[in-house]
Protein backbone atom coordinates (compact mmCIF):
# COMPACT_ATOMS: atom_id res chain seq x y z
CA MET A 1 6.42 102.21 12.98
CA ALA A 2 9.86 100.83 12.84
CA PRO A 3 11.56 100.64 16.36
CA SER A 4 14.19 102.82 14.88
CA THR A 5 15.40 104.52 11.53
CA THR A 6 18.85 105.84 10.83
CA PHE A 7 19.40 108.75 8.64
CA THR A 8 22.45 110.60 7.34
CA ALA A 9 21.84 114.34 8.27
CA ILE A 10 23.37 117.70 7.47
CA SER A 11 22.68 120.96 9.24
CA LEU A 12 21.48 123.68 6.90
CA GLN A 13 20.94 126.23 9.62
CA GLY A 14 21.60 126.25 13.41
CA ILE A 15 23.43 123.89 15.56
CA PRO A 16 21.54 120.54 16.13
CA ALA A 17 23.42 119.91 19.43
CA GLN A 18 22.19 123.29 20.81
CA LEU A 19 18.53 123.25 19.79
CA GLU A 20 17.57 125.87 22.52
CA ALA A 21 20.07 128.41 20.76
CA GLY A 22 17.61 129.02 17.86
CA SER A 23 15.90 127.57 14.78
CA THR A 24 17.56 124.51 13.37
CA LYS A 25 17.05 123.13 9.82
CA ILE A 26 18.32 119.76 8.90
CA LYS A 27 18.33 117.87 5.59
CA LEU A 28 17.88 114.06 6.19
CA PHE A 29 19.04 111.37 3.74
CA PHE A 30 17.65 107.83 3.94
CA GLU A 31 19.88 105.35 2.07
CA PRO A 32 18.94 101.84 1.35
CA LYS A 33 20.56 98.86 3.27
CA GLU A 34 20.84 96.92 0.00
CA ASP A 35 23.74 97.80 -2.20
CA SER A 36 22.30 97.70 -5.76
CA ASP A 37 21.14 100.38 -8.22
CA GLU A 38 17.60 99.08 -7.98
CA ALA A 39 17.36 99.33 -4.15
CA TYR A 40 19.02 102.76 -4.28
CA GLU A 41 16.50 104.04 -6.73
CA ARG A 42 13.51 102.38 -4.84
CA ASP A 43 14.53 103.22 -1.28
CA TYR A 44 16.61 106.38 -1.32
CA ALA A 45 14.81 109.47 0.19
CA GLU A 46 15.49 112.96 1.16
CA HIS A 47 13.42 115.17 3.56
CA TYR A 48 13.84 118.17 5.81
CA LEU A 49 13.39 118.48 9.54
CA ASN A 50 13.04 121.89 11.12
CA ILE A 51 13.04 122.32 14.85
CA ASP A 52 12.27 125.53 16.63
CA PHE A 53 12.72 124.86 20.22
CA ALA A 54 11.50 128.16 21.48
CA SER A 55 8.27 127.89 19.64
CA ARG A 56 7.82 124.23 20.45
CA VAL A 57 7.58 123.46 16.65
CA VAL A 58 8.96 120.50 14.70
CA GLU A 59 8.28 120.26 11.01
CA PHE A 60 8.88 117.37 8.73
CA HIS A 61 8.78 118.26 4.94
CA GLU A 62 9.13 116.24 1.75
CA LYS A 63 11.96 117.47 -0.53
CA ASP A 64 10.12 115.82 -3.46
CA PRO A 65 6.85 113.70 -3.58
CA GLU A 66 8.79 111.00 -5.42
CA TYR A 67 10.51 110.09 -2.03
CA ARG A 68 7.25 109.58 -0.22
CA ASP A 69 6.98 105.80 -0.63
CA ALA A 70 10.50 105.24 0.30
CA MET A 71 10.23 107.31 3.41
CA LEU A 72 7.09 105.60 4.42
CA ARG A 73 8.67 102.27 4.11
CA ALA A 74 11.72 103.48 6.09
CA LEU A 75 9.65 104.76 9.02
CA SER A 76 7.18 101.92 9.00
CA GLY A 77 9.86 99.23 8.77
CA VAL A 78 8.06 97.51 5.96
CA GLU A 79 10.30 95.83 3.34
CA GLN A 80 9.76 96.23 -0.39
CA PRO A 81 8.44 93.01 -1.74
């Protein structure tokens, strides 16, 4: 695993700063570090993170399977050859 991974996020439901207030749904965007069309197409990914604090449930969902490889690289810290 990478020591850390940074995402841009938008709340679709709930207030992320107040997880105990109810179910929170967040859309995550991973954007490539490299600024080129090829890197963007290869490394860009979108996923969903759902947090239900009361039920102690965290769900991580793919938006689309085509983003799977990019997300695995982002979370593992493995660079594209």
